[in-house]
Amino acid sequence: MSDPSLLETFPSPSSEPFVIEHVAEEFTALCPKTGHPDFGRIILRYGPGDLCVELKSLKLYYQSYRNQGIFYEAVTNRICEDLSAALKPRWLQIVTEWRGRGGIHSRIIATRGEPPPEFKS
């Protein structure tokens, strides 16, 4: 089961608005229908408030999905909710890009708050 308690934070280095982007190239969860692994890429973009996410804890949090059966849409929104709760950012966007299955590639976007114009999809 995914575990948001793994997420650690540290104080933002600036009170001025700026953007952080982290890309995880190797995300794995299980298809809840077939039990087969789904492989994806996660792009996390956010405008920090008072806190930033510590990267090792983010990696461990992502790895907590490895054996969980969960649909693309659900995992994307759950990550968005968990990170929003932990960081309380000005805005946050999660983009998941999933490797193709049956000739269909999927890209799911979840956003909390209002991103700067250059990050609107």
PDB file of N, CA and C in Angstrom:
ATOM      1  N   MET A   1       0.834  -1.179   0.000  1.00  0.00           N
ATOM      2  CA  MET A   1       0.000   0.000   0.000  1.00  0.00           C
ATOM      3  C   MET A   1       0.876   1.239   0.000  1.00  0.00           C
ATOM      4  N   SER A   2       0.472   2.246  -0.715  1.00  0.00           N
ATOM      5  CA  SER A   2       1.236   3.495  -0.733  1.00  0.00           C
ATOM      6  C   SER A   2       1.262   4.091   0.669  1.00  0.00           C
ATOM      7  N   ASP A   3       2.360   4.800   0.966  1.00  0.00           N
ATOM      8  CA  ASP A   3       2.552   5.275   2.337  1.00  0.00           C
ATOM      9  C   ASP A   3       3.002   6.732   2.360  1.00  0.00           C
ATOM     10  N   PRO A   4       2.053   7.691   2.487  1.00  0.00           N
ATOM     11  CA  PRO A   4       2.427   9.106   2.507  1.00  0.00           C
ATOM     12  C   PRO A   4       3.251   9.504   3.732  1.00  0.00           C
ATOM     13  N   SER A   5       3.276   8.663   4.769  1.00  0.00           N
ATOM     14  CA  SER A   5       4.096   8.996   5.938  1.00  0.00           C
ATOM     15  C   SER A   5       5.586   8.938   5.611  1.00  0.00           C
ATOM     16  N   LEU A   6       5.945   8.361   4.474  1.00  0.00           N
ATOM     17  CA  LEU A   6       7.339   8.311   4.040  1.00  0.00           C
ATOM     18  C   LEU A   6       7.851   9.681   3.582  1.00  0.00           C
ATOM     19  N   LEU A   7       6.937  10.572   3.222  1.00  0.00           N
ATOM     20  CA  LEU A   7       7.334  11.875   2.682  1.00  0.00           C
ATOM     21  C   LEU A   7       7.930  12.766   3.764  1.00  0.00           C
ATOM     22  N   GLU A   8       9.133  13.258   3.501  1.00  0.00           N
ATOM     23  CA  GLU A   8       9.800  14.187   4.400  1.00  0.00           C
ATOM     24  C   GLU A   8       9.933  15.529   3.698  1.00  0.00           C
ATOM     25  N   THR A   9       9.964  16.589   4.477  1.00  0.00           N
ATOM     26  CA  THR A   9      10.059  17.932   3.913  1.00  0.00           C
ATOM     27  C   THR A   9      11.201  18.695   4.564  1.00  0.00           C
ATOM     28  N   PHE A  10      11.538  19.813   3.942  1.00  0.00           N
ATOM     29  CA  PHE A  10      12.498  20.753   4.519  1.00  0.00           C
ATOM     30  C   PHE A  10      12.034  22.159   4.161  1.00  0.00           C
ATOM     31  N   PRO A  11      12.488  23.174   4.904  1.00  0.00           N
ATOM     32  CA  PRO A  11      12.020  24.541   4.642  1.00  0.00           C
ATOM     33  C   PRO A  11      12.436  25.030   3.251  1.00  0.00           C
ATOM     34  N   SER A  12      11.521  25.722   2.609  1.00  0.00           N
ATOM     35  CA  SER A  12      11.822  26.325   1.311  1.00  0.00           C
ATOM     36  C   SER A  12      12.937  27.367   1.481  1.00  0.00           C
ATOM     37  N   PRO A  13      13.872  27.409   0.528  1.00  0.00           N
ATOM     38  CA  PRO A  13      14.968  28.365   0.643  1.00  0.00           C
ATOM     39  C   PRO A  13      14.590  29.802   0.294  1.00  0.00           C
ATOM     40  N   SER A  14      13.356  30.002  -0.211  1.00  0.00           N
ATOM     41  CA  SER A  14      12.959  31.348  -0.618  1.00  0.00           C
ATOM     42  C   SER A  14      11.472  31.567  -0.350  1.00  0.00           C
ATOM     43  N   SER A  15      11.149  32.768   0.058  1.00  0.00           N
ATOM     44  CA  SER A  15       9.733  33.113   0.216  1.00  0.00           C
ATOM     45  C   SER A  15       9.157  33.648  -1.099  1.00  0.00           C
ATOM     46  N   GLU A  16      10.030  33.928  -2.069  1.00  0.00           N
ATOM     47  CA  GLU A  16       9.590  34.381  -3.392  1.00  0.00           C
ATOM     48  C   GLU A  16       9.103  33.183  -4.216  1.00  0.00           C
ATOM     49  N   PRO A  17       8.135  33.380  -5.099  1.00  0.00           N
ATOM     50  CA  PRO A  17       7.653  32.270  -5.923  1.00  0.00           C
ATOM     51  C   PRO A  17       8.754  31.724  -6.846  1.00  0.00           C
ATOM     52  N   PHE A  18       8.844  30.418  -6.918  1.00  0.00           N
ATOM     53  CA  PHE A  18       9.702  29.737  -7.883  1.00  0.00           C
ATOM     54  C   PHE A  18       9.111  28.366  -8.150  1.00  0.00           C
ATOM     55  N   VAL A  19       9.644  27.656  -9.146  1.00  0.00           N
ATOM     56  CA  VAL A  19       9.094  26.369  -9.563  1.00  0.00           C
ATOM     57  C   VAL A  19      10.138  25.279  -9.348  1.00  0.00           C
ATOM     58  N   ILE A  20       9.685  24.165  -8.818  1.00  0.00           N
ATOM     59  CA  ILE A  20      10.507  22.971  -8.678  1.00  0.00           C
ATOM     60  C   ILE A  20       9.904  21.894  -9.562  1.00  0.00           C
ATOM     61  N   GLU A  21      10.750  21.173 -10.289  1.00  0.00           N
ATOM     62  CA  GLU A  21      10.294  20.054 -11.101  1.00  0.00           C
ATOM     63  C   GLU A  21      11.185  18.855 -10.826  1.00  0.00           C
ATOM     64  N   HIS A  22      10.569  17.735 -10.477  1.00  0.00           N
ATOM     65  CA  HIS A  22      11.273  16.474 -10.270  1.00  0.00           C
ATOM     66  C   HIS A  22      10.671  15.450 -11.228  1.00  0.00           C
ATOM     67  N   VAL A  23      11.530  14.673 -11.894  1.00  0.00           N
ATOM     68  CA  VAL A  23      11.069  13.651 -12.830  1.00  0.00           C
ATOM     69  C   VAL A  23      11.560  12.291 -12.353  1.00  0.00           C
ATOM     70  N   ALA A  24      10.632  11.371 -12.173  1.00  0.00           N
ATOM     71  CA  ALA A  24      10.953   9.992 -11.815  1.00  0.00           C
ATOM     72  C   ALA A  24      10.721   9.135 -13.057  1.00  0.00           C
ATOM     73  N   GLU A  25      11.788   8.594 -13.586  1.00  0.00           N
ATOM     74  CA  GLU A  25      11.721   7.839 -14.849  1.00  0.00           C
ATOM     75  C   GLU A  25      11.211   6.409 -14.684  1.00  0.00           C
ATOM     76  N   GLU A  26      11.274   5.874 -13.463  1.00  0.00           N
ATOM     77  CA  GLU A  26      10.958   4.451 -13.269  1.00  0.00           C
ATOM     78  C   GLU A  26       9.923   4.261 -12.164  1.00  0.00           C
ATOM     79  N   PHE A  27       8.664   4.448 -12.500  1.00  0.00           N
ATOM     80  CA  PHE A  27       7.581   4.233 -11.549  1.00  0.00           C
ATOM     81  C   PHE A  27       6.877   2.933 -11.919  1.00  0.00           C
ATOM     82  N   THR A  28       6.534   2.151 -10.909  1.00  0.00           N
ATOM     83  CA  THR A  28       5.858   0.880 -11.156  1.00  0.00           C
ATOM     84  C   THR A  28       4.698   0.713 -10.185  1.00  0.00           C
ATOM     85  N   ALA A  29       3.585   0.264 -10.716  1.00  0.00           N
ATOM     86  CA  ALA A  29       2.432  -0.173  -9.929  1.00  0.00           C
ATOM     87  C   ALA A  29       1.869  -1.390 -10.654  1.00  0.00           C
ATOM     88  N   LEU A  30       0.822  -1.976 -10.119  1.00  0.00           N
ATOM     89  CA  LEU A  30       0.215  -3.139 -10.754  1.00  0.00           C
ATOM     90  C   LEU A  30      -1.151  -2.793 -11.319  1.00  0.00           C
ATOM     91  N   CYS A  31      -1.455  -3.378 -12.467  1.00  0.00           N
ATOM     92  CA  CYS A  31      -2.796  -3.240 -13.031  1.00  0.00           C
ATOM     93  C   CYS A  31      -3.767  -3.991 -12.120  1.00  0.00           C
ATOM     94  N   PRO A  32      -4.826  -3.326 -11.643  1.00  0.00           N
ATOM     95  CA  PRO A  32      -5.756  -4.004 -10.743  1.00  0.00           C
ATOM     96  C   PRO A  32      -6.594  -5.082 -11.443  1.00  0.00           C
ATOM     97  N   LYS A  33      -6.672  -5.043 -12.760  1.00  0.00           N
ATOM     98  CA  LYS A  33      -7.441  -6.038 -13.513  1.00  0.00           C
ATOM     99  C   LYS A  33      -6.635  -7.301 -13.779  1.00  0.00           C
ATOM    100  N   THR A  34      -5.363  -7.107 -14.225  1.00  0.00           N
ATOM    101  CA  THR A  34      -4.557  -8.253 -14.660  1.00  0.00           C
ATOM    102  C   THR A  34      -3.475  -8.653 -13.664  1.00  0.00           C
ATOM    103  N   GLY A  35      -3.091  -7.729 -12.779  1.00  0.00           N
ATOM    104  CA  GLY A  35      -1.989  -7.991 -11.876  1.00  0.00           C
ATOM    105  C   GLY A  35      -0.628  -7.797 -12.518  1.00  0.00           C
ATOM    106  N   HIS A  36      -0.614  -7.429 -13.802  1.00  0.00           N
ATOM    107  CA  HIS A  36       0.650  -7.187 -14.503  1.00  0.00           C
ATOM    108  C   HIS A  36       1.209  -5.818 -14.117  1.00  0.00           C
ATOM    109  N   PRO A  37       2.524  -5.661 -14.193  1.00  0.00           N
ATOM    110  CA  PRO A  37       3.110  -4.359 -13.837  1.00  0.00           C
ATOM    111  C   PRO A  37       2.813  -3.292 -14.883  1.00  0.00           C
ATOM    112  N   ASP A  38       2.554  -2.093 -14.408  1.00  0.00           N
ATOM    113  CA  ASP A  38       2.435  -0.905 -15.249  1.00  0.00           C
ATOM    114  C   ASP A  38       3.668  -0.065 -14.995  1.00  0.00           C
ATOM    115  N   PHE A  39       4.279   0.420 -16.066  1.00  0.00           N
ATOM    116  CA  PHE A  39       5.499   1.206 -15.955  1.00  0.00           C
ATOM    117  C   PHE A  39       5.221   2.628 -16.409  1.00  0.00           C
ATOM    118  N   GLY A  40       5.660   3.577 -15.619  1.00  0.00           N
ATOM    119  CA  GLY A  40       5.388   4.962 -15.962  1.00  0.00           C
ATOM    120  C   GLY A  40       6.490   5.905 -15.541  1.00  0.00           C
ATOM    121  N   ARG A  41       6.273   7.132 -15.921  1.00  0.00           N
ATOM    122  CA  ARG A  41       7.164   8.252 -15.616  1.00  0.00           C
ATOM    123  C   ARG A  41       6.306   9.277 -14.890  1.00  0.00           C
ATOM    124  N   ILE A  42       6.846   9.848 -13.807  1.00  0.00           N
ATOM    125  CA  ILE A  42       6.092  10.847 -13.048  1.00  0.00           C
ATOM    126  C   ILE A  42       6.836  12.173 -13.083  1.00  0.00           C
ATOM    127  N   ILE A  43       6.107  13.206 -13.462  1.00  0.00           N
ATOM    128  CA  ILE A  43       6.649  14.560 -13.439  1.00  0.00           C
ATOM    129  C   ILE A  43       5.898  15.315 -12.342  1.00  0.00           C
ATOM    130  N   LEU A  44       6.640  15.750 -11.348  1.00  0.00           N
ATOM    131  CA  LEU A  44       6.097  16.546 -10.248  1.00  0.00           C
ATOM    132  C   LEU A  44       6.576  17.976 -10.442  1.00  0.00           C
ATOM    133  N   ARG A  45       5.634  18.902 -10.535  1.00  0.00           N
ATOM    134  CA  ARG A  45       5.952  20.336 -10.620  1.00  0.00           C
ATOM    135  C   ARG A  45       5.180  21.028  -9.514  1.00  0.00           C
ATOM    136  N   TYR A  46       5.867  21.932  -8.813  1.00  0.00           N
ATOM    137  CA  TYR A  46       5.137  22.673  -7.793  1.00  0.00           C
ATOM    138  C   TYR A  46       5.808  23.992  -7.474  1.00  0.00           C
ATOM    139  N   GLY A  47       4.991  24.899  -6.998  1.00  0.00           N
ATOM    140  CA  GLY A  47       5.457  26.170  -6.474  1.00  0.00           C
ATOM    141  C   GLY A  47       5.408  26.053  -4.964  1.00  0.00           C
ATOM    142  N   PRO A  48       6.571  25.914  -4.332  1.00  0.00           N
ATOM    143  CA  PRO A  48       6.553  25.674  -2.888  1.00  0.00           C
ATOM    144  C   PRO A  48       5.980  26.844  -2.098  1.00  0.00           C
ATOM    145  N   GLY A  49       5.333  26.488  -1.003  1.00  0.00           N
ATOM    146  CA  GLY A  49       4.957  27.466   0.001  1.00  0.00           C
ATOM    147  C   GLY A  49       6.119  27.542   0.975  1.00  0.00           C
ATOM    148  N   ASP A  50       5.919  26.988   2.155  1.00  0.00           N
ATOM    149  CA  ASP A  50       6.975  26.988   3.172  1.00  0.00           C
ATOM    150  C   ASP A  50       7.860  25.746   3.113  1.00  0.00           C
ATOM    151  N   LEU A  51       7.409  24.694   2.374  1.00  0.00           N
ATOM    152  CA  LEU A  51       8.111  23.415   2.415  1.00  0.00           C
ATOM    153  C   LEU A  51       8.455  22.879   1.031  1.00  0.00           C
ATOM    154  N   CYS A  52       9.538  22.101   0.975  1.00  0.00           N
ATOM    155  CA  CYS A  52       9.943  21.362  -0.216  1.00  0.00           C
ATOM    156  C   CYS A  52      10.017  19.883   0.164  1.00  0.00           C
ATOM    157  N   VAL A  53       9.887  19.000  -0.829  1.00  0.00           N
ATOM    158  CA  VAL A  53       9.967  17.576  -0.551  1.00  0.00           C
ATOM    159  C   VAL A  53      11.420  17.100  -0.660  1.00  0.00           C
ATOM    160  N   GLU A  54      11.816  16.247   0.270  1.00  0.00           N
ATOM    161  CA  GLU A  54      13.155  15.663   0.262  1.00  0.00           C
ATOM    162  C   GLU A  54      13.140  14.497  -0.723  1.00  0.00           C
ATOM    163  N   LEU A  55      14.137  14.420  -1.609  1.00  0.00           N
ATOM    164  CA  LEU A  55      14.090  13.504  -2.750  1.00  0.00           C
ATOM    165  C   LEU A  55      14.165  12.027  -2.379  1.00  0.00           C
ATOM    166  N   LYS A  56      14.987  11.642  -1.426  1.00  0.00           N
ATOM    167  CA  LYS A  56      15.032  10.227  -1.065  1.00  0.00           C
ATOM    168  C   LYS A  56      13.680   9.763  -0.545  1.00  0.00           C
ATOM    169  N   SER A  57      13.031  10.596   0.253  1.00  0.00           N
ATOM    170  CA  SER A  57      11.715  10.226   0.773  1.00  0.00           C
ATOM    171  C   SER A  57      10.684  10.150  -0.358  1.00  0.00           C
ATOM    172  N   LEU A  58      10.806  11.025  -1.353  1.00  0.00           N
ATOM    173  CA  LEU A  58       9.913  10.984  -2.510  1.00  0.00           C
ATOM    174  C   LEU A  58      10.089   9.671  -3.261  1.00  0.00           C
ATOM    175  N   LYS A  59      11.332   9.262  -3.453  1.00  0.00           N
ATOM    176  CA  LYS A  59      11.613   7.998  -4.134  1.00  0.00           C
ATOM    177  C   LYS A  59      11.020   6.815  -3.359  1.00  0.00           C
ATOM    178  N   LEU A  60      11.203   6.805  -2.036  1.00  0.00           N
ATOM    179  CA  LEU A  60      10.646   5.723  -1.225  1.00  0.00           C
ATOM    180  C   LEU A  60       9.120   5.722  -1.269  1.00  0.00           C
ATOM    181  N   TYR A  61       8.527   6.909  -1.273  1.00  0.00           N
ATOM    182  CA  TYR A  61       7.074   7.024  -1.395  1.00  0.00           C
ATOM    183  C   TYR A  61       6.602   6.438  -2.727  1.00  0.00           C
ATOM    184  N   TYR A  62       7.254   6.828  -3.818  1.00  0.00           N
ATOM    185  CA  TYR A  62       6.890   6.266  -5.126  1.00  0.00           C
ATOM    186  C   TYR A  62       7.035   4.749  -5.127  1.00  0.00           C
ATOM    187  N   GLN A  63       8.102   4.235  -4.519  1.00  0.00           N
ATOM    188  CA  GLN A  63       8.321   2.790  -4.490  1.00  0.00           C
ATOM    189  C   GLN A  63       7.262   2.060  -3.667  1.00  0.00           C
ATOM    190  N   SER A  64       6.581   2.760  -2.783  1.00  0.00           N
ATOM    191  CA  SER A  64       5.544   2.112  -1.977  1.00  0.00           C
ATOM    192  C   SER A  64       4.335   1.697  -2.828  1.00  0.00           C
ATOM    193  N   TYR A  65       4.267   2.149  -4.072  1.00  0.00           N
ATOM    194  CA  TYR A  65       3.202   1.753  -4.994  1.00  0.00           C
ATOM    195  C   TYR A  65       3.531   0.473  -5.757  1.00  0.00           C
ATOM    196  N   ARG A  66       4.752   0.004  -5.660  1.00  0.00           N
ATOM    197  CA  ARG A  66       5.257  -1.074  -6.504  1.00  0.00           C
ATOM    198  C   ARG A  66       4.357  -2.313  -6.560  1.00  0.00           C
ATOM    199  N   ASN A  67       3.806  -2.730  -5.453  1.00  0.00           N
ATOM    200  CA  ASN A  67       2.983  -3.942  -5.413  1.00  0.00           C
ATOM    201  C   ASN A  67       1.501  -3.654  -5.237  1.00  0.00           C
ATOM    202  N   GLN A  68       1.113  -2.421  -5.493  1.00  0.00           N
ATOM    203  CA  GLN A  68      -0.287  -2.022  -5.304  1.00  0.00           C
ATOM    204  C   GLN A  68      -1.039  -2.082  -6.627  1.00  0.00           C
ATOM    205  N   GLY A  69      -2.202  -2.701  -6.615  1.00  0.00           N
ATOM    206  CA  GLY A  69      -3.084  -2.698  -7.782  1.00  0.00           C
ATOM    207  C   GLY A  69      -3.876  -1.399  -7.798  1.00  0.00           C
ATOM    208  N   ILE A  70      -3.627  -0.564  -8.817  1.00  0.00           N
ATOM    209  CA  ILE A  70      -4.270   0.751  -8.853  1.00  0.00           C
ATOM    210  C   ILE A  70      -4.300   1.258 -10.300  1.00  0.00           C
ATOM    211  N   PHE A  71      -5.409   1.848 -10.690  1.00  0.00           N
ATOM    212  CA  PHE A  71      -5.541   2.401 -12.040  1.00  0.00           C
ATOM    213  C   PHE A  71      -4.710   3.674 -12.186  1.00  0.00           C
ATOM    214  N   TYR A  72      -4.321   3.999 -13.410  1.00  0.00           N
ATOM    215  CA  TYR A  72      -3.508   5.187 -13.712  1.00  0.00           C
ATOM    216  C   TYR A  72      -4.110   6.451 -13.113  1.00  0.00           C
ATOM    217  N   GLU A  73      -5.407   6.606 -13.327  1.00  0.00           N
ATOM    218  CA  GLU A  73      -6.085   7.821 -12.879  1.00  0.00           C
ATOM    219  C   GLU A  73      -6.057   7.945 -11.356  1.00  0.00           C
ATOM    220  N   ALA A  74      -6.247   6.818 -10.683  1.00  0.00           N
ATOM    221  CA  ALA A  74      -6.267   6.825  -9.218  1.00  0.00           C
ATOM    222  C   ALA A  74      -4.882   7.113  -8.646  1.00  0.00           C
ATOM    223  N   VAL A  75      -3.852   6.492  -9.201  1.00  0.00           N
ATOM    224  CA  VAL A  75      -2.503   6.722  -8.673  1.00  0.00           C
ATOM    225  C   VAL A  75      -2.099   8.177  -8.877  1.00  0.00           C
ATOM    226  N   THR A  76      -2.423   8.753 -10.009  1.00  0.00           N
ATOM    227  CA  THR A  76      -2.067  10.142 -10.292  1.00  0.00           C
ATOM    228  C   THR A  76      -2.732  11.077  -9.284  1.00  0.00           C
ATOM    229  N   ASN A  77      -4.011  10.886  -9.061  1.00  0.00           N
ATOM    230  CA  ASN A  77      -4.735  11.749  -8.120  1.00  0.00           C
ATOM    231  C   ASN A  77      -4.325  11.500  -6.671  1.00  0.00           C
ATOM    232  N   ARG A  78      -4.018  10.264  -6.314  1.00  0.00           N
ATOM    233  CA  ARG A  78      -3.583   9.996  -4.942  1.00  0.00           C
ATOM    234  C   ARG A  78      -2.231  10.641  -4.666  1.00  0.00           C
ATOM    235  N   ILE A  79      -1.304  10.546  -5.611  1.00  0.00           N
ATOM    236  CA  ILE A  79      -0.006  11.200  -5.434  1.00  0.00           C
ATOM    237  C   ILE A  79      -0.197  12.703  -5.292  1.00  0.00           C
ATOM    238  N   CYS A  80      -1.058  13.271  -6.112  1.00  0.00           N
ATOM    239  CA  CYS A  80      -1.331  14.704  -6.048  1.00  0.00           C
ATOM    240  C   CYS A  80      -1.894  15.081  -4.672  1.00  0.00           C
ATOM    241  N   GLU A  81      -2.839  14.298  -4.174  1.00  0.00           N
ATOM    242  CA  GLU A  81      -3.440  14.578  -2.866  1.00  0.00           C
ATOM    243  C   GLU A  81      -2.419  14.440  -1.736  1.00  0.00           C
ATOM    244  N   ASP A  82      -1.638  13.357  -1.767  1.00  0.00           N
ATOM    245  CA  ASP A  82      -0.661  13.121  -0.702  1.00  0.00           C
ATOM    246  C   ASP A  82       0.411  14.210  -0.663  1.00  0.00           C
ATOM    247  N   LEU A  83       0.920  14.593  -1.828  1.00  0.00           N
ATOM    248  CA  LEU A  83       1.950  15.632  -1.868  1.00  0.00           C
ATOM    249  C   LEU A  83       1.375  17.002  -1.505  1.00  0.00           C
ATOM    250  N   SER A  84       0.152  17.265  -1.925  1.00  0.00           N
ATOM    251  CA  SER A  84      -0.490  18.529  -1.551  1.00  0.00           C
ATOM    252  C   SER A  84      -0.660  18.623  -0.038  1.00  0.00           C
ATOM    253  N   ALA A  85      -1.047  17.524   0.585  1.00  0.00           N
ATOM    254  CA  ALA A  85      -1.239  17.516   2.034  1.00  0.00           C
ATOM    255  C   ALA A  85       0.093  17.686   2.769  1.00  0.00           C
ATOM    256  N   ALA A  86       1.142  17.045   2.274  1.00  0.00           N
ATOM    257  CA  ALA A  86       2.449  17.102   2.946  1.00  0.00           C
ATOM    258  C   ALA A  86       3.143  18.450   2.759  1.00  0.00           C
ATOM    259  N   LEU A  87       3.022  19.030   1.554  1.00  0.00           N
ATOM    260  CA  LEU A  87       3.790  20.236   1.219  1.00  0.00           C
ATOM    261  C   LEU A  87       3.014  21.536   1.379  1.00  0.00           C
ATOM    262  N   LYS A  88       1.705  21.471   1.235  1.00  0.00           N
ATOM    263  CA  LYS A  88       0.877  22.684   1.225  1.00  0.00           C
ATOM    264  C   LYS A  88       1.468  23.738   0.273  1.00  0.00           C
ATOM    265  N   PRO A  89       1.653  23.348  -0.991  1.00  0.00           N
ATOM    266  CA  PRO A  89       2.281  24.247  -1.959  1.00  0.00           C
ATOM    267  C   PRO A  89       1.330  25.336  -2.444  1.00  0.00           C
ATOM    268  N   ARG A  90       1.906  26.333  -3.104  1.00  0.00           N
ATOM    269  CA  ARG A  90       1.087  27.369  -3.754  1.00  0.00           C
ATOM    270  C   ARG A  90       0.257  26.727  -4.860  1.00  0.00           C
ATOM    271  N   TRP A  91       0.872  25.794  -5.578  1.00  0.00           N
ATOM    272  CA  TRP A  91       0.207  24.986  -6.593  1.00  0.00           C
ATOM    273  C   TRP A  91       1.052  23.741  -6.807  1.00  0.00           C
ATOM    274  N   LEU A  92       0.439  22.703  -7.351  1.00  0.00           N
ATOM    275  CA  LEU A  92       1.138  21.443  -7.584  1.00  0.00           C
ATOM    276  C   LEU A  92       0.524  20.759  -8.781  1.00  0.00           C
ATOM    277  N   GLN A  93       1.361  20.166  -9.587  1.00  0.00           N
ATOM    278  CA  GLN A  93       0.882  19.415 -10.753  1.00  0.00           C
ATOM    279  C   GLN A  93       1.631  18.089 -10.828  1.00  0.00           C
ATOM    280  N   ILE A  94       0.895  17.007 -11.029  1.00  0.00           N
ATOM    281  CA  ILE A  94       1.464  15.685 -11.261  1.00  0.00           C
ATOM    282  C   ILE A  94       1.065  15.270 -12.670  1.00  0.00           C
ATOM    283  N   VAL A  95       2.054  14.879 -13.461  1.00  0.00           N
ATOM    284  CA  VAL A  95       1.806  14.328 -14.786  1.00  0.00           C
ATOM    285  C   VAL A  95       2.360  12.912 -14.774  1.00  0.00           C
ATOM    286  N   THR A  96       1.509  11.931 -15.073  1.00  0.00           N
ATOM    287  CA  THR A  96       1.997  10.563 -15.216  1.00  0.00           C
ATOM    288  C   THR A  96       1.893  10.167 -16.680  1.00  0.00           C
ATOM    289  N   GLU A  97       2.959   9.574 -17.171  1.00  0.00           N
ATOM    290  CA  GLU A  97       3.013   9.098 -18.562  1.00  0.00           C
ATOM    291  C   GLU A  97       3.281   7.603 -18.512  1.00  0.00           C
ATOM    292  N   TRP A  98       2.364   6.831 -19.084  1.00  0.00           N
ATOM    293  CA  TRP A  98       2.398   5.379 -18.953  1.00  0.00           C
ATOM    294  C   TRP A  98       2.814   4.716 -20.254  1.00  0.00           C
ATOM    295  N   ARG A  99       3.662   3.723 -20.154  1.00  0.00           N
ATOM    296  CA  ARG A  99       4.097   2.974 -21.331  1.00  0.00           C
ATOM    297  C   ARG A  99       2.896   2.301 -21.960  1.00  0.00           C
ATOM    298  N   GLY A 100       2.966   2.159 -23.257  1.00  0.00           N
ATOM    299  CA  GLY A 100       1.822   1.659 -24.008  1.00  0.00           C
ATOM    300  C   GLY A 100       1.448   0.229 -23.689  1.00  0.00           C
ATOM    301  N   ARG A 101       0.161  -0.003 -23.764  1.00  0.00           N
ATOM    302  CA  ARG A 101      -0.387  -1.347 -23.646  1.00  0.00           C
ATOM    303  C   ARG A 101      -1.506  -1.438 -24.668  1.00  0.00           C
ATOM    304  N   GLY A 102      -1.432  -2.438 -25.531  1.00  0.00           N
ATOM    305  CA  GLY A 102      -2.454  -2.587 -26.568  1.00  0.00           C
ATOM    306  C   GLY A 102      -2.465  -1.430 -27.538  1.00  0.00           C
ATOM    307  N   GLY A 103      -1.291  -0.783 -27.721  1.00  0.00           N
ATOM    308  CA  GLY A 103      -1.181   0.323 -28.662  1.00  0.00           C
ATOM    309  C   GLY A 103      -1.674   1.658 -28.112  1.00  0.00           C
ATOM    310  N   ILE A 104      -2.018   1.715 -26.823  1.00  0.00           N
ATOM    311  CA  ILE A 104      -2.516   2.952 -26.233  1.00  0.00           C
ATOM    312  C   ILE A 104      -1.547   3.422 -25.158  1.00  0.00           C
ATOM    313  N   HIS A 105      -1.073   4.631 -25.303  1.00  0.00           N
ATOM    314  CA  HIS A 105      -0.245   5.277 -24.290  1.00  0.00           C
ATOM    315  C   HIS A 105      -1.133   6.255 -23.538  1.00  0.00           C
ATOM    316  N   SER A 106      -0.932   6.358 -22.250  1.00  0.00           N
ATOM    317  CA  SER A 106      -1.778   7.238 -21.437  1.00  0.00           C
ATOM    318  C   SER A 106      -0.944   8.296 -20.742  1.00  0.00           C
ATOM    319  N   ARG A 107      -1.548   9.471 -20.604  1.00  0.00           N
ATOM    320  CA  ARG A 107      -0.951  10.594 -19.884  1.00  0.00           C
ATOM    321  C   ARG A 107      -2.053  11.190 -19.024  1.00  0.00           C
ATOM    322  N   ILE A 108      -1.826  11.217 -17.708  1.00  0.00           N
ATOM    323  CA  ILE A 108      -2.832  11.711 -16.772  1.00  0.00           C
ATOM    324  C   ILE A 108      -2.250  12.930 -16.057  1.00  0.00           C
ATOM    325  N   ILE A 109      -3.052  13.975 -15.894  1.00  0.00           N
ATOM    326  CA  ILE A 109      -2.600  15.206 -15.245  1.00  0.00           C
ATOM    327  C   ILE A 109      -3.553  15.548 -14.108  1.00  0.00           C
ATOM    328  N   ALA A 110      -2.984  15.792 -12.929  1.00  0.00           N
ATOM    329  CA  ALA A 110      -3.776  16.245 -11.777  1.00  0.00           C
ATOM    330  C   ALA A 110      -3.115  17.506 -11.239  1.00  0.00           C
ATOM    331  N   THR A 111      -3.913  18.516 -10.940  1.00  0.00           N
ATOM    332  CA  THR A 111      -3.392  19.805 -10.494  1.00  0.00           C
ATOM    333  C   THR A 111      -4.167  20.281  -9.268  1.00  0.00           C
ATOM    334  N   ARG A 112      -3.449  20.875  -8.345  1.00  0.00           N
ATOM    335  CA  ARG A 112      -4.062  21.527  -7.191  1.00  0.00           C
ATOM    336  C   ARG A 112      -3.563  22.965  -7.193  1.00  0.00           C
ATOM    337  N   GLY A 113      -4.457  23.916  -7.052  1.00  0.00           N
ATOM    338  CA  GLY A 113      -4.079  25.324  -7.110  1.00  0.00           C
ATOM    339  C   GLY A 113      -3.954  25.784  -8.554  1.00  0.00           C
ATOM    340  N   GLU A 114      -3.536  27.013  -8.730  1.00  0.00           N
ATOM    341  CA  GLU A 114      -3.436  27.625 -10.054  1.00  0.00           C
ATOM    342  C   GLU A 114      -1.968  27.725 -10.482  1.00  0.00           C
ATOM    343  N   PRO A 115      -1.540  26.878 -11.458  1.00  0.00           N
ATOM    344  CA  PRO A 115      -0.141  26.949 -11.892  1.00  0.00           C
ATOM    345  C   PRO A 115       0.116  28.199 -12.730  1.00  0.00           C
ATOM    346  N   PRO A 116       1.390  28.584 -12.829  1.00  0.00           N
ATOM    347  CA  PRO A 116       1.735  29.692 -13.728  1.00  0.00           C
ATOM    348  C   PRO A 116       1.323  29.339 -15.157  1.00  0.00           C
ATOM    349  N   PRO A 117       1.089  30.332 -16.008  1.00  0.00           N
ATOM    350  CA  PRO A 117       0.604  30.082 -17.373  1.00  0.00           C
ATOM    351  C   PRO A 117       1.463  29.085 -18.165  1.00  0.00           C
ATOM    352  N   GLU A 118       2.774  29.095 -17.965  1.00  0.00           N
ATOM    353  CA  GLU A 118       3.635  28.209 -18.743  1.00  0.00           C
ATOM    354  C   GLU A 118       3.491  26.733 -18.368  1.00  0.00           C
ATOM    355  N   PHE A 119       2.772  26.425 -17.264  1.00  0.00           N
ATOM    356  CA  PHE A 119       2.583  25.062 -16.843  1.00  0.00           C
ATOM    357  C   PHE A 119       1.156  24.582 -16.990  1.00  0.00           C
ATOM    358  N   LYS A 120       0.303  25.379 -17.582  1.00  0.00           N
ATOM    359  CA  LYS A 120      -1.068  24.955 -17.815  1.00  0.00           C
ATOM    360  C   LYS A 120      -1.101  24.056 -19.042  1.00  0.00           C
ATOM    361  N   SER A 121      -1.867  22.972 -18.942  1.00  0.00           N
ATOM    362  CA  SER A 121      -1.929  22.019 -20.045  1.00  0.00           C
ATOM    363  C   SER A 121      -3.049  22.347 -20.996  1.00  0.00           C
TER     364      SER A 121
END
